[in-house]
Amino acid sequence: MLTGRLGDAHDLYHHPDLVAFSPSNIWPVDRSWATFTHFDLHGTKVAGPTTLIERLLNNPGLEALRLPWRP
């Protein structure tokens, strides 16, 4: 596990200890949201507050969709 600032996440993709894989899970210290990227997927799943999800869905620079959710 590595820790750092979100603004430095780009550098994790070039980290010398992660030659074969990119980070698959990213979350803040307060765990208010999380991302998950599986090496086989062509996208990243994001879980978090409704306001975060709405901003992602409404961002014209992102291709985003809401997955069905059943607790």
PDB file of N, CA and C in Angstrom:
ATOM      1  N   MET A   1       0.839  -1.158   0.000  1.00  0.00           N
ATOM      2  CA  MET A   1       0.000   0.000   0.000  1.00  0.00           C
ATOM      3  C   MET A   1       0.893   1.233   0.000  1.00  0.00           C
ATOM      4  N   LEU A   2       0.494   2.184  -0.800  1.00  0.00           N
ATOM      5  CA  LEU A   2       1.194   3.460  -0.878  1.00  0.00           C
ATOM      6  C   LEU A   2       0.280   4.566  -0.406  1.00  0.00           C
ATOM      7  N   THR A   3       0.828   5.600   0.149  1.00  0.00           N
ATOM      8  CA  THR A   3       0.031   6.750   0.545  1.00  0.00           C
ATOM      9  C   THR A   3       0.583   7.991  -0.118  1.00  0.00           C
ATOM     10  N   GLY A   4      -0.264   8.982  -0.280  1.00  0.00           N
ATOM     11  CA  GLY A   4       0.178  10.227  -0.894  1.00  0.00           C
ATOM     12  C   GLY A   4      -0.983  11.166  -1.095  1.00  0.00           C
ATOM     13  N   ARG A   5      -0.716  12.253  -1.792  1.00  0.00           N
ATOM     14  CA  ARG A   5      -1.731  13.264  -2.092  1.00  0.00           C
ATOM     15  C   ARG A   5      -2.420  12.895  -3.397  1.00  0.00           C
ATOM     16  N   LEU A   6      -3.713  13.192  -3.498  1.00  0.00           N
ATOM     17  CA  LEU A   6      -4.462  12.892  -4.714  1.00  0.00           C
ATOM     18  C   LEU A   6      -3.821  13.557  -5.924  1.00  0.00           C
ATOM     19  N   GLY A   7      -3.310  14.774  -5.745  1.00  0.00           N
ATOM     20  CA  GLY A   7      -2.658  15.479  -6.846  1.00  0.00           C
ATOM     21  C   GLY A   7      -1.419  14.775  -7.366  1.00  0.00           C
ATOM     22  N   ASP A   8      -0.871  13.870  -6.570  1.00  0.00           N
ATOM     23  CA  ASP A   8       0.317  13.122  -6.978  1.00  0.00           C
ATOM     24  C   ASP A   8      -0.010  11.735  -7.523  1.00  0.00           C
ATOM     25  N   ALA A   9      -1.293  11.412  -7.659  1.00  0.00           N
ATOM     26  CA  ALA A   9      -1.703  10.075  -8.087  1.00  0.00           C
ATOM     27  C   ALA A   9      -1.122   9.710  -9.453  1.00  0.00           C
ATOM     28  N   HIS A  10      -0.974  10.686 -10.332  1.00  0.00           N
ATOM     29  CA  HIS A  10      -0.402  10.412 -11.652  1.00  0.00           C
ATOM     30  C   HIS A  10       0.958   9.735 -11.532  1.00  0.00           C
ATOM     31  N   ASP A  11       1.743  10.150 -10.547  1.00  0.00           N
ATOM     32  CA  ASP A  11       3.084   9.584 -10.368  1.00  0.00           C
ATOM     33  C   ASP A  11       3.044   8.113  -9.971  1.00  0.00           C
ATOM     34  N   LEU A  12       1.945   7.647  -9.377  1.00  0.00           N
ATOM     35  CA  LEU A  12       1.855   6.239  -9.007  1.00  0.00           C
ATOM     36  C   LEU A  12       1.885   5.329 -10.226  1.00  0.00           C
ATOM     37  N   TYR A  13       1.428   5.837 -11.357  1.00  0.00           N
ATOM     38  CA  TYR A  13       1.436   5.021 -12.568  1.00  0.00           C
ATOM     39  C   TYR A  13       2.843   4.853 -13.134  1.00  0.00           C
ATOM     40  N   HIS A  14       3.783   5.579 -12.589  1.00  0.00           N
ATOM     41  CA  HIS A  14       5.182   5.475 -13.014  1.00  0.00           C
ATOM     42  C   HIS A  14       6.081   5.121 -11.836  1.00  0.00           C
ATOM     43  N   HIS A  15       5.476   4.585 -10.757  1.00  0.00           N
ATOM     44  CA  HIS A  15       6.225   4.241  -9.551  1.00  0.00           C
ATOM     45  C   HIS A  15       7.113   3.024  -9.837  1.00  0.00           C
ATOM     46  N   PRO A  16       8.386   3.040  -9.427  1.00  0.00           N
ATOM     47  CA  PRO A  16       9.301   1.936  -9.741  1.00  0.00           C
ATOM     48  C   PRO A  16       8.878   0.594  -9.134  1.00  0.00           C
ATOM     49  N   ASP A  17       8.115   0.596  -8.046  1.00  0.00           N
ATOM     50  CA  ASP A  17       7.667  -0.660  -7.436  1.00  0.00           C
ATOM     51  C   ASP A  17       6.407  -1.212  -8.085  1.00  0.00           C
ATOM     52  N   LEU A  18       5.807  -0.474  -9.002  1.00  0.00           N
ATOM     53  CA  LEU A  18       4.558  -0.887  -9.636  1.00  0.00           C
ATOM     54  C   LEU A  18       4.733  -1.076 -11.134  1.00  0.00           C
ATOM     55  N   VAL A  19       5.779  -1.762 -11.530  1.00  0.00           N
ATOM     56  CA  VAL A  19       6.105  -1.892 -12.944  1.00  0.00           C
ATOM     57  C   VAL A  19       5.001  -2.587 -13.735  1.00  0.00           C
ATOM     58  N   ALA A  20       4.415  -3.652 -13.176  1.00  0.00           N
ATOM     59  CA  ALA A  20       3.439  -4.439 -13.937  1.00  0.00           C
ATOM     60  C   ALA A  20       1.999  -3.975 -13.764  1.00  0.00           C
ATOM     61  N   PHE A  21       1.702  -3.221 -12.712  1.00  0.00           N
ATOM     62  CA  PHE A  21       0.315  -2.881 -12.420  1.00  0.00           C
ATOM     63  C   PHE A  21       0.182  -1.408 -12.063  1.00  0.00           C
ATOM     64  N   SER A  22      -0.987  -0.876 -12.332  1.00  0.00           N
ATOM     65  CA  SER A  22      -1.314   0.479 -11.883  1.00  0.00           C
ATOM     66  C   SER A  22      -2.098   0.363 -10.586  1.00  0.00           C
ATOM     67  N   PRO A  23      -2.241   1.452  -9.830  1.00  0.00           N
ATOM     68  CA  PRO A  23      -3.057   1.386  -8.614  1.00  0.00           C
ATOM     69  C   PRO A  23      -4.482   0.981  -8.961  1.00  0.00           C
ATOM     70  N   SER A  24      -5.069   0.108  -8.171  1.00  0.00           N
ATOM     71  CA  SER A  24      -6.431  -0.335  -8.467  1.00  0.00           C
ATOM     72  C   SER A  24      -7.468   0.258  -7.523  1.00  0.00           C
ATOM     73  N   ASN A  25      -7.046   0.732  -6.379  1.00  0.00           N
ATOM     74  CA  ASN A  25      -7.970   1.325  -5.409  1.00  0.00           C
ATOM     75  C   ASN A  25      -7.372   2.627  -4.896  1.00  0.00           C
ATOM     76  N   ILE A  26      -8.177   3.680  -4.919  1.00  0.00           N
ATOM     77  CA  ILE A  26      -7.745   4.981  -4.405  1.00  0.00           C
ATOM     78  C   ILE A  26      -8.883   5.526  -3.552  1.00  0.00           C
ATOM     79  N   TRP A  27      -8.549   6.046  -2.362  1.00  0.00           N
ATOM     80  CA  TRP A  27      -9.540   6.648  -1.487  1.00  0.00           C
ATOM     81  C   TRP A  27      -8.864   7.654  -0.573  1.00  0.00           C
ATOM     82  N   PRO A  28      -9.635   8.639  -0.068  1.00  0.00           N
ATOM     83  CA  PRO A  28      -9.065   9.627   0.843  1.00  0.00           C
ATOM     84  C   PRO A  28      -8.994   9.072   2.268  1.00  0.00           C
ATOM     85  N   VAL A  29      -8.282   9.770   3.122  1.00  0.00           N
ATOM     86  CA  VAL A  29      -8.132   9.348   4.513  1.00  0.00           C
ATOM     87  C   VAL A  29      -9.487   9.172   5.193  1.00  0.00           C
ATOM     88  N   ASP A  30     -10.442  10.053   4.894  1.00  0.00           N
ATOM     89  CA  ASP A  30     -11.748   9.952   5.563  1.00  0.00           C
ATOM     90  C   ASP A  30     -12.655   8.886   4.939  1.00  0.00           C
ATOM     91  N   ARG A  31     -12.194   8.248   3.887  1.00  0.00           N
ATOM     92  CA  ARG A  31     -12.921   7.171   3.194  1.00  0.00           C
ATOM     93  C   ARG A  31     -14.329   7.580   2.752  1.00  0.00           C
ATOM     94  N   SER A  32     -14.482   8.833   2.367  1.00  0.00           N
ATOM     95  CA  SER A  32     -15.785   9.329   1.940  1.00  0.00           C
ATOM     96  C   SER A  32     -16.114   8.926   0.500  1.00  0.00           C
ATOM     97  N   TRP A  33     -15.136   8.480  -0.252  1.00  0.00           N
ATOM     98  CA  TRP A  33     -15.348   7.973  -1.600  1.00  0.00           C
ATOM     99  C   TRP A  33     -14.239   6.968  -1.897  1.00  0.00           C
ATOM    100  N   ALA A  34     -14.396   6.199  -2.953  1.00  0.00           N
ATOM    101  CA  ALA A  34     -13.377   5.225  -3.342  1.00  0.00           C
ATOM    102  C   ALA A  34     -13.473   4.957  -4.836  1.00  0.00           C
ATOM    103  N   THR A  35     -12.345   4.597  -5.424  1.00  0.00           N
ATOM    104  CA  THR A  35     -12.326   4.172  -6.821  1.00  0.00           C
ATOM    105  C   THR A  35     -11.812   2.745  -6.893  1.00  0.00           C
ATOM    106  N   PHE A  36     -12.238   2.020  -7.904  1.00  0.00           N
ATOM    107  CA  PHE A  36     -11.792   0.652  -8.133  1.00  0.00           C
ATOM    108  C   PHE A  36     -11.586   0.453  -9.626  1.00  0.00           C
ATOM    109  N   THR A  37     -10.400   0.064  -9.999  1.00  0.00           N
ATOM    110  CA  THR A  37     -10.099  -0.249 -11.389  1.00  0.00           C
ATOM    111  C   THR A  37      -9.515  -1.648 -11.449  1.00  0.00           C
ATOM    112  N   HIS A  38     -10.204  -2.561 -12.112  1.00  0.00           N
ATOM    113  CA  HIS A  38      -9.712  -3.920 -12.284  1.00  0.00           C
ATOM    114  C   HIS A  38      -8.878  -3.952 -13.566  1.00  0.00           C
ATOM    115  N   PHE A  39      -7.827  -4.746 -13.592  1.00  0.00           N
ATOM    116  CA  PHE A  39      -6.933  -4.744 -14.751  1.00  0.00           C
ATOM    117  C   PHE A  39      -7.615  -5.167 -16.041  1.00  0.00           C
ATOM    118  N   ASP A  40      -8.756  -5.858 -15.967  1.00  0.00           N
ATOM    119  CA  ASP A  40      -9.485  -6.277 -17.175  1.00  0.00           C
ATOM    120  C   ASP A  40     -10.521  -5.260 -17.642  1.00  0.00           C
ATOM    121  N   LEU A  41     -10.873  -4.309 -16.799  1.00  0.00           N
ATOM    122  CA  LEU A  41     -11.950  -3.385 -17.140  1.00  0.00           C
ATOM    123  C   LEU A  41     -11.462  -2.236 -18.017  1.00  0.00           C
ATOM    124  N   HIS A  42     -12.383  -1.664 -18.755  1.00  0.00           N
ATOM    125  CA  HIS A  42     -12.096  -0.492 -19.572  1.00  0.00           C
ATOM    126  C   HIS A  42     -12.625   0.758 -18.901  1.00  0.00           C
ATOM    127  N   GLY A  43     -12.695   0.746 -17.592  1.00  0.00           N
ATOM    128  CA  GLY A  43     -13.211   1.886 -16.849  1.00  0.00           C
ATOM    129  C   GLY A  43     -12.902   1.743 -15.376  1.00  0.00           C
ATOM    130  N   THR A  44     -13.333   2.722 -14.640  1.00  0.00           N
ATOM    131  CA  THR A  44     -13.124   2.757 -13.198  1.00  0.00           C
ATOM    132  C   THR A  44     -14.461   2.956 -12.516  1.00  0.00           C
ATOM    133  N   LYS A  45     -14.702   2.200 -11.460  1.00  0.00           N
ATOM    134  CA  LYS A  45     -15.912   2.366 -10.662  1.00  0.00           C
ATOM    135  C   LYS A  45     -15.613   3.362  -9.555  1.00  0.00           C
ATOM    136  N   VAL A  46     -16.581   4.219  -9.289  1.00  0.00           N
ATOM    137  CA  VAL A  46     -16.454   5.220  -8.229  1.00  0.00           C
ATOM    138  C   VAL A  46     -17.658   5.077  -7.316  1.00  0.00           C
ATOM    139  N   ALA A  47     -17.410   5.020  -6.016  1.00  0.00           N
ATOM    140  CA  ALA A  47     -18.472   5.010  -5.015  1.00  0.00           C
ATOM    141  C   ALA A  47     -18.253   6.214  -4.119  1.00  0.00           C
ATOM    142  N   GLY A  48     -19.336   6.921  -3.817  1.00  0.00           N
ATOM    143  CA  GLY A  48     -19.199   8.095  -2.967  1.00  0.00           C
ATOM    144  C   GLY A  48     -20.518   8.805  -2.788  1.00  0.00           C
ATOM    145  N   PRO A  49     -20.456   9.999  -2.210  1.00  0.00           N
ATOM    146  CA  PRO A  49     -21.672  10.776  -1.965  1.00  0.00           C
ATOM    147  C   PRO A  49     -22.403  11.110  -3.270  1.00  0.00           C
ATOM    148  N   THR A  50     -23.698  11.295  -3.164  1.00  0.00           N
ATOM    149  CA  THR A  50     -24.529  11.615  -4.327  1.00  0.00           C
ATOM    150  C   THR A  50     -23.999  12.824  -5.082  1.00  0.00           C
ATOM    151  N   THR A  51     -23.549  13.851  -4.375  1.00  0.00           N
ATOM    152  CA  THR A  51     -23.053  15.055  -5.056  1.00  0.00           C
ATOM    153  C   THR A  51     -21.828  14.746  -5.916  1.00  0.00           C
ATOM    154  N   LEU A  52     -20.935  13.897  -5.444  1.00  0.00           N
ATOM    155  CA  LEU A  52     -19.768  13.502  -6.232  1.00  0.00           C
ATOM    156  C   LEU A  52     -20.193  12.752  -7.485  1.00  0.00           C
ATOM    157  N   ILE A  53     -21.082  11.787  -7.321  1.00  0.00           N
ATOM    158  CA  ILE A  53     -21.537  10.982  -8.464  1.00  0.00           C
ATOM    159  C   ILE A  53     -22.247  11.857  -9.486  1.00  0.00           C
ATOM    160  N   GLU A  54     -23.089  12.779  -9.024  1.00  0.00           N
ATOM    161  CA  GLU A  54     -23.787  13.683  -9.948  1.00  0.00           C
ATOM    162  C   GLU A  54     -22.797  14.549 -10.725  1.00  0.00           C
ATOM    163  N   ARG A  55     -21.768  15.032 -10.063  1.00  0.00           N
ATOM    164  CA  ARG A  55     -20.764  15.847 -10.757  1.00  0.00           C
ATOM    165  C   ARG A  55     -20.030  15.034 -11.819  1.00  0.00           C
ATOM    166  N   LEU A  56     -19.730  13.779 -11.522  1.00  0.00           N
ATOM    167  CA  LEU A  56     -19.079  12.917 -12.516  1.00  0.00           C
ATOM    168  C   LEU A  56     -20.010  12.655 -13.694  1.00  0.00           C
ATOM    169  N   LEU A  57     -21.267  12.349 -13.405  1.00  0.00           N
ATOM    170  CA  LEU A  57     -22.240  12.063 -14.467  1.00  0.00           C
ATOM    171  C   LEU A  57     -22.489  13.276 -15.357  1.00  0.00           C
ATOM    172  N   ASN A  58     -22.419  14.475 -14.791  1.00  0.00           N
ATOM    173  CA  ASN A  58     -22.710  15.699 -15.545  1.00  0.00           C
ATOM    174  C   ASN A  58     -21.480  16.377 -16.130  1.00  0.00           C
ATOM    175  N   ASN A  59     -20.313  15.776 -15.968  1.00  0.00           N
ATOM    176  CA  ASN A  59     -19.081  16.354 -16.516  1.00  0.00           C
ATOM    177  C   ASN A  59     -18.991  16.015 -18.002  1.00  0.00           C
ATOM    178  N   PRO A  60     -19.010  17.013 -18.890  1.00  0.00           N
ATOM    179  CA  PRO A  60     -18.983  16.728 -20.324  1.00  0.00           C
ATOM    180  C   PRO A  60     -17.665  16.110 -20.799  1.00  0.00           C
ATOM    181  N   GLY A  61     -16.627  16.202 -20.001  1.00  0.00           N
ATOM    182  CA  GLY A  61     -15.335  15.637 -20.383  1.00  0.00           C
ATOM    183  C   GLY A  61     -15.153  14.188 -19.993  1.00  0.00           C
ATOM    184  N   LEU A  62     -16.167  13.609 -19.326  1.00  0.00           N
ATOM    185  CA  LEU A  62     -16.089  12.216 -18.889  1.00  0.00           C
ATOM    186  C   LEU A  62     -17.196  11.395 -19.518  1.00  0.00           C
ATOM    187  N   GLU A  63     -16.900  10.149 -19.793  1.00  0.00           N
ATOM    188  CA  GLU A  63     -17.939   9.206 -20.182  1.00  0.00           C
ATOM    189  C   GLU A  63     -18.300   8.446 -18.908  1.00  0.00           C
ATOM    190  N   ALA A  64     -19.471   8.709 -18.381  1.00  0.00           N
ATOM    191  CA  ALA A  64     -19.871   8.122 -17.103  1.00  0.00           C
ATOM    192  C   ALA A  64     -21.292   7.608 -17.180  1.00  0.00           C
ATOM    193  N   LEU A  65     -21.567   6.551 -16.444  1.00  0.00           N
ATOM    194  CA  LEU A  65     -22.915   6.028 -16.339  1.00  0.00           C
ATOM    195  C   LEU A  65     -23.128   5.500 -14.937  1.00  0.00           C
ATOM    196  N   ARG A  66     -24.372   5.490 -14.528  1.00  0.00           N
ATOM    197  CA  ARG A  66     -24.725   4.997 -13.194  1.00  0.00           C
ATOM    198  C   ARG A  66     -25.034   3.509 -13.317  1.00  0.00           C
ATOM    199  N   LEU A  67     -24.372   2.717 -12.507  1.00  0.00           N
ATOM    200  CA  LEU A  67     -24.643   1.284 -12.495  1.00  0.00           C
ATOM    201  C   LEU A  67     -25.827   1.006 -11.578  1.00  0.00           C
ATOM    202  N   PRO A  68     -26.604  -0.045 -11.884  1.00  0.00           N
ATOM    203  CA  PRO A  68     -27.718  -0.386 -11.007  1.00  0.00           C
ATOM    204  C   PRO A  68     -27.188  -0.738  -9.613  1.00  0.00           C
ATOM    205  N   TRP A  69     -27.902  -0.343  -8.588  1.00  0.00           N
ATOM    206  CA  TRP A  69     -27.461  -0.601  -7.216  1.00  0.00           C
ATOM    207  C   TRP A  69     -28.601  -1.188  -6.408  1.00  0.00           C
ATOM    208  N   ARG A  70     -28.319  -2.300  -5.770  1.00  0.00           N
ATOM    209  CA  ARG A  70     -29.282  -2.915  -4.858  1.00  0.00           C
ATOM    210  C   ARG A  70     -28.545  -3.285  -3.581  1.00  0.00           C
ATOM    211  N   PRO A  71     -28.871  -2.641  -2.469  1.00  0.00           N
ATOM    212  CA  PRO A  71     -28.185  -2.986  -1.203  1.00  0.00           C
ATOM    213  C   PRO A  71     -28.511  -4.378  -0.713  1.00  0.00           C
TER     214      PRO A  71
END
